[in-house]
Amino acid sequence: MLSVAPGVRVYLAVGITDMRKSFTGLAGLAQQAIGQDPTSGHLFAFCNRRRNLVKVLFWDGSGFVLLAKRLERGTFAWPKPEKDAAHVILTGEELSWIFGGLDLSQAQRRTWWRREPRLAGG
């Protein structure tokens, strides 16, 4: 189970990612393709062409951490972006649901009020 603090965003890269990339390559994608600072403390998720491997990169304050999950059978239901977006923003809960095999496009969140997380320095 992946636990993400409230206020930490999860950025999913749109499309496929070359999974030969490691820390430096994925940090570069977070900055160039997603447009976010990879040392922000947020999570950056990438998926391969077959959708059976996901890598998640984050900065813990002293260095990068890279998590990977490969499915032996089946595929991840990778969310589709809105129009020409370079990424999809999820909550930590939603990332855990993807890791657990749920398809977010078929899930329906009930309408209720939720305070948006305040970003540091803002």
C-alpha atoms as a PDB file:
ATOM      1  CA  MET A   1       0.000   0.000   0.000  1.00  0.00           C
ATOM      2  CA  LEU A   2       1.314   3.401  -0.984  1.00  0.00           C
ATOM      3  CA  SER A   3       0.621   6.182   1.489  1.00  0.00           C
ATOM      4  CA  VAL A   4       0.868   9.779   0.304  1.00  0.00           C
ATOM      5  CA  ALA A   5       0.479  12.784   2.600  1.00  0.00           C
ATOM      6  CA  PRO A   6      -2.440  15.122   1.871  1.00  0.00           C
ATOM      7  CA  GLY A   7      -1.206  18.083  -0.142  1.00  0.00           C
ATOM      8  CA  VAL A   8       1.293  15.996  -2.090  1.00  0.00           C
ATOM      9  CA  ARG A   9       0.268  15.888  -5.717  1.00  0.00           C
ATOM     10  CA  VAL A  10       0.756  12.975  -8.072  1.00  0.00           C
ATOM     11  CA  TYR A  11       1.620  13.915 -11.651  1.00  0.00           C
ATOM     12  CA  LEU A  12       1.075  11.145 -14.215  1.00  0.00           C
ATOM     13  CA  ALA A  13       2.975  11.551 -17.459  1.00  0.00           C
ATOM     14  CA  VAL A  14       0.782  11.305 -20.536  1.00  0.00           C
ATOM     15  CA  GLY A  15       1.604   8.587 -23.026  1.00  0.00           C
ATOM     16  CA  ILE A  16       4.390   6.062 -22.836  1.00  0.00           C
ATOM     17  CA  THR A  17       7.781   6.381 -21.189  1.00  0.00           C
ATOM     18  CA  ASP A  18      10.993   4.564 -22.020  1.00  0.00           C
ATOM     19  CA  MET A  19      11.430   2.509 -18.855  1.00  0.00           C
ATOM     20  CA  ARG A  20      15.180   2.266 -19.333  1.00  0.00           C
ATOM     21  CA  LYS A  21      15.256   5.744 -17.804  1.00  0.00           C
ATOM     22  CA  SER A  22      16.275   5.915 -14.178  1.00  0.00           C
ATOM     23  CA  PHE A  23      16.579   8.766 -11.680  1.00  0.00           C
ATOM     24  CA  THR A  24      18.158  11.441 -13.888  1.00  0.00           C
ATOM     25  CA  GLY A  25      16.124  10.661 -16.999  1.00  0.00           C
ATOM     26  CA  LEU A  26      12.803  10.599 -15.165  1.00  0.00           C
ATOM     27  CA  ALA A  27      13.664  13.798 -13.268  1.00  0.00           C
ATOM     28  CA  GLY A  28      14.341  15.408 -16.649  1.00  0.00           C
ATOM     29  CA  LEU A  29      10.931  14.258 -17.917  1.00  0.00           C
ATOM     30  CA  ALA A  30       9.253  15.636 -14.801  1.00  0.00           C
ATOM     31  CA  GLN A  31      10.822  19.008 -15.498  1.00  0.00           C
ATOM     32  CA  GLN A  32      10.558  19.144 -19.297  1.00  0.00           C
ATOM     33  CA  ALA A  33       7.447  17.156 -20.237  1.00  0.00           C
ATOM     34  CA  ILE A  34       5.348  17.708 -17.120  1.00  0.00           C
ATOM     35  CA  GLY A  35       6.695  21.178 -16.348  1.00  0.00           C
ATOM     36  CA  GLN A  36       7.211  20.632 -12.620  1.00  0.00           C
ATOM     37  CA  ASP A  37      10.227  20.762 -10.327  1.00  0.00           C
ATOM     38  CA  PRO A  38      11.208  17.144  -9.607  1.00  0.00           C
ATOM     39  CA  THR A  39      12.581  18.198  -6.183  1.00  0.00           C
ATOM     40  CA  SER A  40       9.214  19.670  -5.120  1.00  0.00           C
ATOM     41  CA  GLY A  41       8.261  16.661  -2.976  1.00  0.00           C
ATOM     42  CA  HIS A  42       5.421  15.711  -5.313  1.00  0.00           C
ATOM     43  CA  LEU A  43       5.250  12.306  -7.004  1.00  0.00           C
ATOM     44  CA  PHE A  44       5.805  11.744 -10.716  1.00  0.00           C
ATOM     45  CA  ALA A  45       4.423   8.548 -12.270  1.00  0.00           C
ATOM     46  CA  PHE A  46       5.383   7.037 -15.618  1.00  0.00           C
ATOM     47  CA  CYS A  47       4.063   3.986 -17.479  1.00  0.00           C
ATOM     48  CA  ASN A  48       5.479   1.811 -20.253  1.00  0.00           C
ATOM     49  CA  ARG A  49       3.917   0.999 -23.634  1.00  0.00           C
ATOM     50  CA  ARG A  50       2.427  -2.327 -22.485  1.00  0.00           C
ATOM     51  CA  ARG A  51       0.966  -0.689 -19.342  1.00  0.00           C
ATOM     52  CA  ASN A  52       2.355  -3.416 -17.111  1.00  0.00           C
ATOM     53  CA  LEU A  53       5.123  -1.336 -15.494  1.00  0.00           C
ATOM     54  CA  VAL A  54       4.841   1.898 -13.521  1.00  0.00           C
ATOM     55  CA  LYS A  55       7.690   3.915 -12.037  1.00  0.00           C
ATOM     56  CA  VAL A  56       7.110   6.640  -9.453  1.00  0.00           C
ATOM     57  CA  LEU A  57       9.822   9.217  -8.754  1.00  0.00           C
ATOM     58  CA  PHE A  58       9.948  11.564  -5.782  1.00  0.00           C
ATOM     59  CA  TRP A  59      12.419  13.671  -3.837  1.00  0.00           C
ATOM     60  CA  ASP A  60      12.577  12.922  -0.099  1.00  0.00           C
ATOM     61  CA  GLY A  61      14.688  15.951   0.821  1.00  0.00           C
ATOM     62  CA  SER A  62      18.081  14.313   0.462  1.00  0.00           C
ATOM     63  CA  GLY A  63      17.785  12.436  -2.813  1.00  0.00           C
ATOM     64  CA  PHE A  64      15.480  10.826  -5.337  1.00  0.00           C
ATOM     65  CA  VAL A  65      13.488   7.704  -4.543  1.00  0.00           C
ATOM     66  CA  LEU A  66      12.268   5.486  -7.365  1.00  0.00           C
ATOM     67  CA  LEU A  67       9.435   3.007  -6.846  1.00  0.00           C
ATOM     68  CA  ALA A  68       8.467   0.483  -9.499  1.00  0.00           C
ATOM     69  CA  LYS A  69       5.627  -1.988  -9.870  1.00  0.00           C
ATOM     70  CA  ARG A  70       5.497  -4.580 -12.639  1.00  0.00           C
ATOM     71  CA  LEU A  71       2.439  -6.715 -13.149  1.00  0.00           C
ATOM     72  CA  GLU A  72       2.997 -10.382 -13.916  1.00  0.00           C
ATOM     73  CA  ARG A  73      -0.379 -10.479 -15.714  1.00  0.00           C
ATOM     74  CA  GLY A  74      -2.779  -7.777 -16.778  1.00  0.00           C
ATOM     75  CA  THR A  75      -2.314  -4.054 -17.274  1.00  0.00           C
ATOM     76  CA  PHE A  76      -2.708  -0.806 -15.392  1.00  0.00           C
ATOM     77  CA  ALA A  77      -5.654   1.398 -16.326  1.00  0.00           C
ATOM     78  CA  TRP A  78      -3.672   4.558 -17.081  1.00  0.00           C
ATOM     79  CA  PRO A  79      -5.868   7.675 -16.954  1.00  0.00           C
ATOM     80  CA  LYS A  80      -6.332   9.660 -20.124  1.00  0.00           C
ATOM     81  CA  PRO A  81      -5.613  13.407 -20.101  1.00  0.00           C
ATOM     82  CA  GLU A  82      -8.055  16.158 -20.935  1.00  0.00           C
ATOM     83  CA  LYS A  83      -7.407  17.447 -24.477  1.00  0.00           C
ATOM     84  CA  ASP A  84      -3.736  18.400 -24.984  1.00  0.00           C
ATOM     85  CA  ALA A  85      -2.582  18.111 -21.377  1.00  0.00           C
ATOM     86  CA  ALA A  86       0.987  16.941 -20.737  1.00  0.00           C
ATOM     87  CA  HIS A  87       0.010  15.250 -17.479  1.00  0.00           C
ATOM     88  CA  VAL A  88      -2.848  14.198 -15.225  1.00  0.00           C
ATOM     89  CA  ILE A  89      -2.958  15.278 -11.580  1.00  0.00           C
ATOM     90  CA  LEU A  90      -4.172  12.699  -9.062  1.00  0.00           C
ATOM     91  CA  THR A  91      -4.376  12.305  -5.321  1.00  0.00           C
ATOM     92  CA  GLY A  92      -2.354   9.716  -3.468  1.00  0.00           C
ATOM     93  CA  GLU A  93      -5.558   7.713  -2.991  1.00  0.00           C
ATOM     94  CA  GLU A  94      -6.155   7.582  -6.712  1.00  0.00           C
ATOM     95  CA  LEU A  95      -2.598   6.392  -7.372  1.00  0.00           C
ATOM     96  CA  SER A  96      -3.136   3.614  -4.808  1.00  0.00           C
ATOM     97  CA  TRP A  97      -6.350   2.662  -6.602  1.00  0.00           C
ATOM     98  CA  ILE A  98      -4.464   2.373  -9.910  1.00  0.00           C
ATOM     99  CA  PHE A  99      -1.844   0.190  -8.206  1.00  0.00           C
ATOM    100  CA  GLY A 100      -4.705  -1.907  -6.816  1.00  0.00           C
ATOM    101  CA  GLY A 101      -6.176  -2.529 -10.266  1.00  0.00           C
ATOM    102  CA  LEU A 102      -9.027  -0.028 -10.400  1.00  0.00           C
ATOM    103  CA  ASP A 103      -9.936   1.880 -13.545  1.00  0.00           C
ATOM    104  CA  LEU A 104     -10.479   5.512 -12.556  1.00  0.00           C
ATOM    105  CA  SER A 105     -12.460   6.220 -15.736  1.00  0.00           C
ATOM    106  CA  GLN A 106     -15.162   3.857 -14.466  1.00  0.00           C
ATOM    107  CA  ALA A 107     -15.084   5.102 -10.880  1.00  0.00           C
ATOM    108  CA  GLN A 108     -17.366   7.878  -9.762  1.00  0.00           C
ATOM    109  CA  ARG A 109     -16.453  10.144  -6.881  1.00  0.00           C
ATOM    110  CA  ARG A 110     -19.368  11.466  -4.876  1.00  0.00           C
ATOM    111  CA  THR A 111     -19.691  15.220  -4.804  1.00  0.00           C
ATOM    112  CA  TRP A 112     -18.556  16.798  -1.565  1.00  0.00           C
ATOM    113  CA  TRP A 113     -16.478  19.739  -0.484  1.00  0.00           C
ATOM    114  CA  ARG A 114     -12.764  19.336   0.001  1.00  0.00           C
ATOM    115  CA  ARG A 115     -10.280  22.077   0.796  1.00  0.00           C
ATOM    116  CA  GLU A 116      -7.539  22.397  -1.786  1.00  0.00           C
ATOM    117  CA  PRO A 117      -4.083  21.780  -0.307  1.00  0.00           C
ATOM    118  CA  ARG A 118      -2.009  24.858   0.358  1.00  0.00           C
ATOM    119  CA  LEU A 119       1.342  24.810  -1.323  1.00  0.00           C
ATOM    120  CA  ALA A 120       4.450  25.819   0.607  1.00  0.00           C
ATOM    121  CA  GLY A 121       5.372  29.437   0.093  1.00  0.00           C
ATOM    122  CA  GLY A 122       1.868  30.362  -1.131  1.00  0.00           C
END
